[in-house]
Amino acid sequence: MALHLLKLCVGVDHPDELAAFQKRRIATTGRNAHITRQMPRRAKEILDGGSLYWIIGGKILVRQRILALESFTDSQGIRRCRIELDPELVPVRPTPHRPFQGWRYLVEKAAPPDLPQVKGLDALPETMRRELMELCLI
Protein backbone atom coordinates (compact mmCIF):
# COMPACT_ATOMS: atom_id res chain seq x y z
CA MET A 1 0.00 0.00 0.00
CA ALA A 2 1.47 3.34 -1.07
CA LEU A 3 2.16 6.14 1.37
CA HIS A 4 1.61 9.71 0.20
CA LEU A 5 2.79 13.17 1.21
CA LEU A 6 0.53 16.15 1.89
CA LYS A 7 1.87 19.68 1.33
CA LEU A 8 0.53 23.22 1.41
CA CYS A 9 0.87 25.02 -1.93
CA VAL A 10 1.76 28.53 -0.78
CA GLY A 11 1.14 31.52 -3.06
CA VAL A 12 -1.08 29.59 -5.47
CA ASP A 13 -4.85 30.05 -5.72
CA HIS A 14 -5.67 27.46 -8.38
CA PRO A 15 -4.13 24.27 -9.82
CA ASP A 16 -3.61 26.03 -13.18
CA GLU A 17 -1.21 28.43 -11.44
CA LEU A 18 0.73 25.49 -9.99
CA ALA A 19 0.93 23.90 -13.45
CA ALA A 20 2.20 27.15 -15.00
CA PHE A 21 4.78 27.59 -12.23
CA GLN A 22 6.05 24.05 -12.69
CA LYS A 23 6.25 24.43 -16.48
CA ARG A 24 8.45 27.50 -15.98
CA ARG A 25 10.63 25.57 -13.53
CA ILE A 26 11.04 22.70 -15.98
CA ALA A 27 11.96 25.16 -18.75
CA THR A 28 14.70 26.74 -16.61
CA THR A 29 16.04 23.77 -14.61
CA GLY A 30 15.06 20.79 -16.75
CA ARG A 31 13.36 19.05 -13.82
CA ASN A 32 10.08 19.16 -11.96
CA ALA A 33 11.14 19.01 -8.34
CA HIS A 34 9.96 20.46 -5.07
CA ILE A 35 12.62 21.17 -2.43
CA THR A 36 11.83 20.65 1.23
CA ARG A 37 13.92 20.61 4.39
CA GLN A 38 13.24 17.12 5.72
CA MET A 39 13.84 13.79 4.01
CA PRO A 40 10.92 11.42 4.68
CA ARG A 41 11.99 8.48 6.85
CA ARG A 42 9.42 6.30 5.11
CA ALA A 43 10.83 6.97 1.64
CA LYS A 44 10.60 3.33 0.54
CA GLU A 45 6.82 3.31 1.13
CA ILE A 46 6.41 6.65 -0.68
CA LEU A 47 8.37 5.45 -3.71
CA ASP A 48 6.05 2.44 -3.95
CA GLY A 49 3.42 4.43 -5.89
CA GLY A 50 3.00 7.46 -3.60
CA SER A 51 1.89 10.93 -4.64
CA LEU A 52 2.27 14.46 -3.34
CA TYR A 53 -1.20 15.84 -2.56
CA TRP A 54 -1.35 19.65 -2.81
CA ILE A 55 -3.52 21.79 -0.51
CA ILE A 56 -4.58 24.87 -2.47
CA GLY A 57 -6.88 27.48 -0.93
CA GLY A 58 -7.63 25.33 2.11
CA LYS A 59 -8.54 22.19 0.12
CA ILE A 60 -6.68 19.20 -1.21
CA LEU A 61 -7.27 19.68 -4.95
CA VAL A 62 -4.60 17.84 -6.95
CA ARG A 63 -1.90 15.22 -6.66
CA GLN A 64 1.31 14.44 -8.48
CA ARG A 65 3.02 11.07 -8.56
CA ILE A 66 6.37 11.09 -6.74
CA LEU A 67 9.11 9.75 -8.99
CA ALA A 68 12.15 10.08 -6.71
CA LEU A 69 13.35 11.41 -3.36
CA GLU A 70 16.91 12.74 -3.22
CA SER A 71 18.82 13.97 -0.19
CA PHE A 72 21.35 16.74 -0.88
CA THR A 73 23.18 19.65 0.75
CA ASP A 74 22.42 23.12 -0.60
CA SER A 75 24.89 25.96 -1.20
CA GLN A 76 24.55 27.15 2.44
CA GLY A 77 25.41 23.69 3.77
CA ILE A 78 21.82 22.84 4.78
CA ARG A 79 20.51 19.31 4.22
CA ARG A 80 17.47 19.23 1.93
CA CYS A 81 15.20 16.77 0.14
CA ARG A 82 14.40 17.05 -3.56
CA ILE A 83 11.02 15.52 -4.43
CA GLU A 84 10.93 14.71 -8.15
CA LEU A 85 7.36 14.93 -9.44
CA ASP A 86 5.50 13.68 -12.47
CA PRO A 87 4.40 16.79 -14.41
CA GLU A 88 0.78 15.59 -14.61
CA LEU A 89 -1.54 17.23 -12.05
CA VAL A 90 -4.34 14.78 -11.25
CA PRO A 91 -7.49 16.46 -9.89
CA VAL A 92 -8.88 14.84 -6.74
CA ARG A 93 -12.15 15.27 -4.89
CA PRO A 94 -11.83 18.67 -3.15
CA THR A 95 -11.24 17.94 0.53
CA PRO A 96 -10.94 20.68 3.18
CA HIS A 97 -7.71 20.68 5.17
CA ARG A 98 -6.20 22.99 7.75
CA PRO A 99 -2.84 24.63 7.06
CA PHE A 100 0.38 23.31 8.63
CA GLN A 101 4.11 23.74 8.15
CA GLY A 102 6.25 21.34 6.15
CA TRP A 103 4.68 18.15 4.86
CA ARG A 104 2.69 15.33 6.42
CA TYR A 105 2.29 11.66 5.62
CA LEU A 106 -1.06 10.71 4.09
CA VAL A 107 -2.13 7.07 4.24
CA GLU A 108 -3.88 5.54 1.25
CA LYS A 109 -7.27 5.17 2.94
CA ALA A 110 -7.32 8.88 3.93
CA ALA A 111 -6.32 10.16 0.48
CA PRO A 112 -9.13 11.77 -1.53
CA PRO A 113 -10.08 9.85 -4.68
CA ASP A 114 -9.21 11.07 -8.16
CA LEU A 115 -11.95 12.92 -9.98
CA PRO A 116 -13.33 11.06 -13.00
CA GLN A 117 -12.14 12.30 -16.39
CA VAL A 118 -15.03 14.12 -18.02
CA LYS A 119 -14.87 15.04 -21.71
CA GLY A 120 -15.55 18.64 -22.57
CA LEU A 121 -14.53 20.17 -19.24
CA ASP A 122 -11.94 22.33 -20.97
CA ALA A 123 -14.75 23.99 -22.93
CA LEU A 124 -16.41 25.29 -19.75
CA PRO A 125 -15.57 28.79 -18.52
CA GLU A 126 -12.97 28.69 -15.74
CA THR A 127 -15.29 30.19 -13.11
CA MET A 128 -17.99 27.61 -13.84
CA ARG A 129 -15.47 24.77 -13.69
CA ARG A 130 -14.21 26.03 -10.30
CA GLU A 131 -17.75 26.30 -8.93
CA LEU A 132 -18.59 22.77 -10.08
CA MET A 133 -15.41 21.51 -8.41
CA GLU A 134 -16.29 23.37 -5.19
CA LEU A 135 -19.67 21.63 -5.21
CA CYS A 136 -17.92 18.29 -5.83
CA LEU A 137 -19.91 17.81 -9.03
CA ILE A 138 -16.83 17.27 -11.17
C-alpha atoms as a PDB file:
ATOM      1  CA  MET A   1       0.000   0.000   0.000  1.00  0.00           C
ATOM      2  CA  ALA A   2       1.472   3.342  -1.073  1.00  0.00           C
ATOM      3  CA  LEU A   3       2.157   6.141   1.366  1.00  0.00           C
ATOM      4  CA  HIS A   4       1.610   9.706   0.201  1.00  0.00           C
ATOM      5  CA  LEU A   5       2.787  13.166   1.210  1.00  0.00           C
ATOM      6  CA  LEU A   6       0.534  16.150   1.891  1.00  0.00           C
ATOM      7  CA  LYS A   7       1.873  19.683   1.331  1.00  0.00           C
ATOM      8  CA  LEU A   8       0.526  23.224   1.407  1.00  0.00           C
ATOM      9  CA  CYS A   9       0.874  25.022  -1.935  1.00  0.00           C
ATOM     10  CA  VAL A  10       1.759  28.534  -0.778  1.00  0.00           C
ATOM     11  CA  GLY A  11       1.142  31.518  -3.061  1.00  0.00           C
ATOM     12  CA  VAL A  12      -1.081  29.589  -5.473  1.00  0.00           C
ATOM     13  CA  ASP A  13      -4.851  30.049  -5.723  1.00  0.00           C
ATOM     14  CA  HIS A  14      -5.668  27.456  -8.382  1.00  0.00           C
ATOM     15  CA  PRO A  15      -4.125  24.270  -9.818  1.00  0.00           C
ATOM     16  CA  ASP A  16      -3.614  26.028 -13.177  1.00  0.00           C
ATOM     17  CA  GLU A  17      -1.213  28.429 -11.441  1.00  0.00           C
ATOM     18  CA  LEU A  18       0.728  25.492  -9.988  1.00  0.00           C
ATOM     19  CA  ALA A  19       0.932  23.900 -13.450  1.00  0.00           C
ATOM     20  CA  ALA A  20       2.201  27.154 -15.000  1.00  0.00           C
ATOM     21  CA  PHE A  21       4.785  27.589 -12.229  1.00  0.00           C
ATOM     22  CA  GLN A  22       6.050  24.048 -12.685  1.00  0.00           C
ATOM     23  CA  LYS A  23       6.246  24.432 -16.478  1.00  0.00           C
ATOM     24  CA  ARG A  24       8.451  27.504 -15.984  1.00  0.00           C
ATOM     25  CA  ARG A  25      10.634  25.571 -13.526  1.00  0.00           C
ATOM     26  CA  ILE A  26      11.035  22.696 -15.983  1.00  0.00           C
ATOM     27  CA  ALA A  27      11.958  25.159 -18.747  1.00  0.00           C
ATOM     28  CA  THR A  28      14.698  26.742 -16.612  1.00  0.00           C
ATOM     29  CA  THR A  29      16.036  23.773 -14.606  1.00  0.00           C
ATOM     30  CA  GLY A  30      15.060  20.792 -16.751  1.00  0.00           C
ATOM     31  CA  ARG A  31      13.357  19.047 -13.818  1.00  0.00           C
ATOM     32  CA  ASN A  32      10.081  19.162 -11.959  1.00  0.00           C
ATOM     33  CA  ALA A  33      11.140  19.010  -8.338  1.00  0.00           C
ATOM     34  CA  HIS A  34       9.962  20.464  -5.069  1.00  0.00           C
ATOM     35  CA  ILE A  35      12.623  21.172  -2.432  1.00  0.00           C
ATOM     36  CA  THR A  36      11.827  20.654   1.232  1.00  0.00           C
ATOM     37  CA  ARG A  37      13.919  20.605   4.387  1.00  0.00           C
ATOM     38  CA  GLN A  38      13.245  17.116   5.722  1.00  0.00           C
ATOM     39  CA  MET A  39      13.837  13.789   4.014  1.00  0.00           C
ATOM     40  CA  PRO A  40      10.925  11.421   4.684  1.00  0.00           C
ATOM     41  CA  ARG A  41      11.992   8.482   6.851  1.00  0.00           C
ATOM     42  CA  ARG A  42       9.419   6.300   5.115  1.00  0.00           C
ATOM     43  CA  ALA A  43      10.828   6.968   1.640  1.00  0.00           C
ATOM     44  CA  LYS A  44      10.604   3.335   0.538  1.00  0.00           C
ATOM     45  CA  GLU A  45       6.821   3.313   1.127  1.00  0.00           C
ATOM     46  CA  ILE A  46       6.409   6.649  -0.685  1.00  0.00           C
ATOM     47  CA  LEU A  47       8.373   5.451  -3.710  1.00  0.00           C
ATOM     48  CA  ASP A  48       6.047   2.441  -3.955  1.00  0.00           C
ATOM     49  CA  GLY A  49       3.419   4.433  -5.887  1.00  0.00           C
ATOM     50  CA  GLY A  50       2.998   7.456  -3.602  1.00  0.00           C
ATOM     51  CA  SER A  51       1.891  10.933  -4.638  1.00  0.00           C
ATOM     52  CA  LEU A  52       2.266  14.458  -3.344  1.00  0.00           C
ATOM     53  CA  TYR A  53      -1.201  15.842  -2.564  1.00  0.00           C
ATOM     54  CA  TRP A  54      -1.350  19.650  -2.810  1.00  0.00           C
ATOM     55  CA  ILE A  55      -3.520  21.793  -0.514  1.00  0.00           C
ATOM     56  CA  ILE A  56      -4.582  24.866  -2.468  1.00  0.00           C
ATOM     57  CA  GLY A  57      -6.879  27.482  -0.933  1.00  0.00           C
ATOM     58  CA  GLY A  58      -7.628  25.334   2.113  1.00  0.00           C
ATOM     59  CA  LYS A  59      -8.540  22.194   0.119  1.00  0.00           C
ATOM     60  CA  ILE A  60      -6.681  19.201  -1.212  1.00  0.00           C
ATOM     61  CA  LEU A  61      -7.270  19.684  -4.947  1.00  0.00           C
ATOM     62  CA  VAL A  62      -4.604  17.837  -6.953  1.00  0.00           C
ATOM     63  CA  ARG A  63      -1.905  15.221  -6.656  1.00  0.00           C
ATOM     64  CA  GLN A  64       1.306  14.443  -8.481  1.00  0.00           C
ATOM     65  CA  ARG A  65       3.024  11.073  -8.557  1.00  0.00           C
ATOM     66  CA  ILE A  66       6.369  11.087  -6.735  1.00  0.00           C
ATOM     67  CA  LEU A  67       9.114   9.746  -8.992  1.00  0.00           C
ATOM     68  CA  ALA A  68      12.152  10.081  -6.710  1.00  0.00           C
ATOM     69  CA  LEU A  69      13.355  11.408  -3.364  1.00  0.00           C
ATOM     70  CA  GLU A  70      16.905  12.745  -3.223  1.00  0.00           C
ATOM     71  CA  SER A  71      18.821  13.974  -0.195  1.00  0.00           C
ATOM     72  CA  PHE A  72      21.347  16.743  -0.882  1.00  0.00           C
ATOM     73  CA  THR A  73      23.182  19.646   0.750  1.00  0.00           C
ATOM     74  CA  ASP A  74      22.415  23.123  -0.602  1.00  0.00           C
ATOM     75  CA  SER A  75      24.893  25.957  -1.197  1.00  0.00           C
ATOM     76  CA  GLN A  76      24.547  27.146   2.439  1.00  0.00           C
ATOM     77  CA  GLY A  77      25.412  23.688   3.770  1.00  0.00           C
ATOM     78  CA  ILE A  78      21.825  22.835   4.782  1.00  0.00           C
ATOM     79  CA  ARG A  79      20.509  19.309   4.223  1.00  0.00           C
ATOM     80  CA  ARG A  80      17.475  19.225   1.928  1.00  0.00           C
ATOM     81  CA  CYS A  81      15.200  16.774   0.138  1.00  0.00           C
ATOM     82  CA  ARG A  82      14.396  17.052  -3.564  1.00  0.00           C
ATOM     83  CA  ILE A  83      11.018  15.524  -4.431  1.00  0.00           C
ATOM     84  CA  GLU A  84      10.935  14.707  -8.148  1.00  0.00           C
ATOM     85  CA  LEU A  85       7.360  14.930  -9.444  1.00  0.00           C
ATOM     86  CA  ASP A  86       5.502  13.676 -12.468  1.00  0.00           C
ATOM     87  CA  PRO A  87       4.404  16.788 -14.406  1.00  0.00           C
ATOM     88  CA  GLU A  88       0.776  15.591 -14.606  1.00  0.00           C
ATOM     89  CA  LEU A  89      -1.537  17.228 -12.054  1.00  0.00           C
ATOM     90  CA  VAL A  90      -4.336  14.778 -11.255  1.00  0.00           C
ATOM     91  CA  PRO A  91      -7.490  16.460  -9.889  1.00  0.00           C
ATOM     92  CA  VAL A  92      -8.881  14.843  -6.741  1.00  0.00           C
ATOM     93  CA  ARG A  93     -12.150  15.274  -4.885  1.00  0.00           C
ATOM     94  CA  PRO A  94     -11.826  18.674  -3.146  1.00  0.00           C
ATOM     95  CA  THR A  95     -11.244  17.941   0.530  1.00  0.00           C
ATOM     96  CA  PRO A  96     -10.943  20.679   3.184  1.00  0.00           C
ATOM     97  CA  HIS A  97      -7.706  20.677   5.169  1.00  0.00           C
ATOM     98  CA  ARG A  98      -6.202  22.992   7.751  1.00  0.00           C
ATOM     99  CA  PRO A  99      -2.844  24.629   7.063  1.00  0.00           C
ATOM    100  CA  PHE A 100       0.376  23.308   8.626  1.00  0.00           C
ATOM    101  CA  GLN A 101       4.109  23.737   8.153  1.00  0.00           C
ATOM    102  CA  GLY A 102       6.247  21.345   6.154  1.00  0.00           C
ATOM    103  CA  TRP A 103       4.683  18.145   4.856  1.00  0.00           C
ATOM    104  CA  ARG A 104       2.689  15.329   6.415  1.00  0.00           C
ATOM    105  CA  TYR A 105       2.295  11.657   5.616  1.00  0.00           C
ATOM    106  CA  LEU A 106      -1.063  10.714   4.094  1.00  0.00           C
ATOM    107  CA  VAL A 107      -2.126   7.072   4.242  1.00  0.00           C
ATOM    108  CA  GLU A 108      -3.880   5.543   1.246  1.00  0.00           C
ATOM    109  CA  LYS A 109      -7.271   5.166   2.936  1.00  0.00           C
ATOM    110  CA  ALA A 110      -7.323   8.875   3.928  1.00  0.00           C
ATOM    111  CA  ALA A 111      -6.321  10.164   0.477  1.00  0.00           C
ATOM    112  CA  PRO A 112      -9.133  11.774  -1.532  1.00  0.00           C
ATOM    113  CA  PRO A 113     -10.084   9.853  -4.679  1.00  0.00           C
ATOM    114  CA  ASP A 114      -9.206  11.071  -8.156  1.00  0.00           C
ATOM    115  CA  LEU A 115     -11.950  12.920  -9.982  1.00  0.00           C
ATOM    116  CA  PRO A 116     -13.328  11.064 -12.999  1.00  0.00           C
ATOM    117  CA  GLN A 117     -12.141  12.303 -16.386  1.00  0.00           C
ATOM    118  CA  VAL A 118     -15.032  14.121 -18.018  1.00  0.00           C
ATOM    119  CA  LYS A 119     -14.866  15.035 -21.710  1.00  0.00           C
ATOM    120  CA  GLY A 120     -15.554  18.644 -22.568  1.00  0.00           C
ATOM    121  CA  LEU A 121     -14.525  20.166 -19.235  1.00  0.00           C
ATOM    122  CA  ASP A 122     -11.945  22.331 -20.970  1.00  0.00           C
ATOM    123  CA  ALA A 123     -14.748  23.986 -22.934  1.00  0.00           C
ATOM    124  CA  LEU A 124     -16.408  25.287 -19.746  1.00  0.00           C
ATOM    125  CA  PRO A 125     -15.571  28.793 -18.520  1.00  0.00           C
ATOM    126  CA  GLU A 126     -12.967  28.692 -15.740  1.00  0.00           C
ATOM    127  CA  THR A 127     -15.288  30.191 -13.113  1.00  0.00           C
ATOM    128  CA  MET A 128     -17.991  27.610 -13.844  1.00  0.00           C
ATOM    129  CA  ARG A 129     -15.471  24.773 -13.687  1.00  0.00           C
ATOM    130  CA  ARG A 130     -14.213  26.030 -10.297  1.00  0.00           C
ATOM    131  CA  GLU A 131     -17.755  26.303  -8.929  1.00  0.00           C
ATOM    132  CA  LEU A 132     -18.592  22.770 -10.083  1.00  0.00           C
ATOM    133  CA  MET A 133     -15.413  21.511  -8.412  1.00  0.00           C
ATOM    134  CA  GLU A 134     -16.285  23.366  -5.192  1.00  0.00           C
ATOM    135  CA  LEU A 135     -19.675  21.626  -5.205  1.00  0.00           C
ATOM    136  CA  CYS A 136     -17.918  18.292  -5.832  1.00  0.00           C
ATOM    137  CA  LEU A 137     -19.909  17.807  -9.027  1.00  0.00           C
ATOM    138  CA  ILE A 138     -16.826  17.275 -11.174  1.00  0.00           C
END
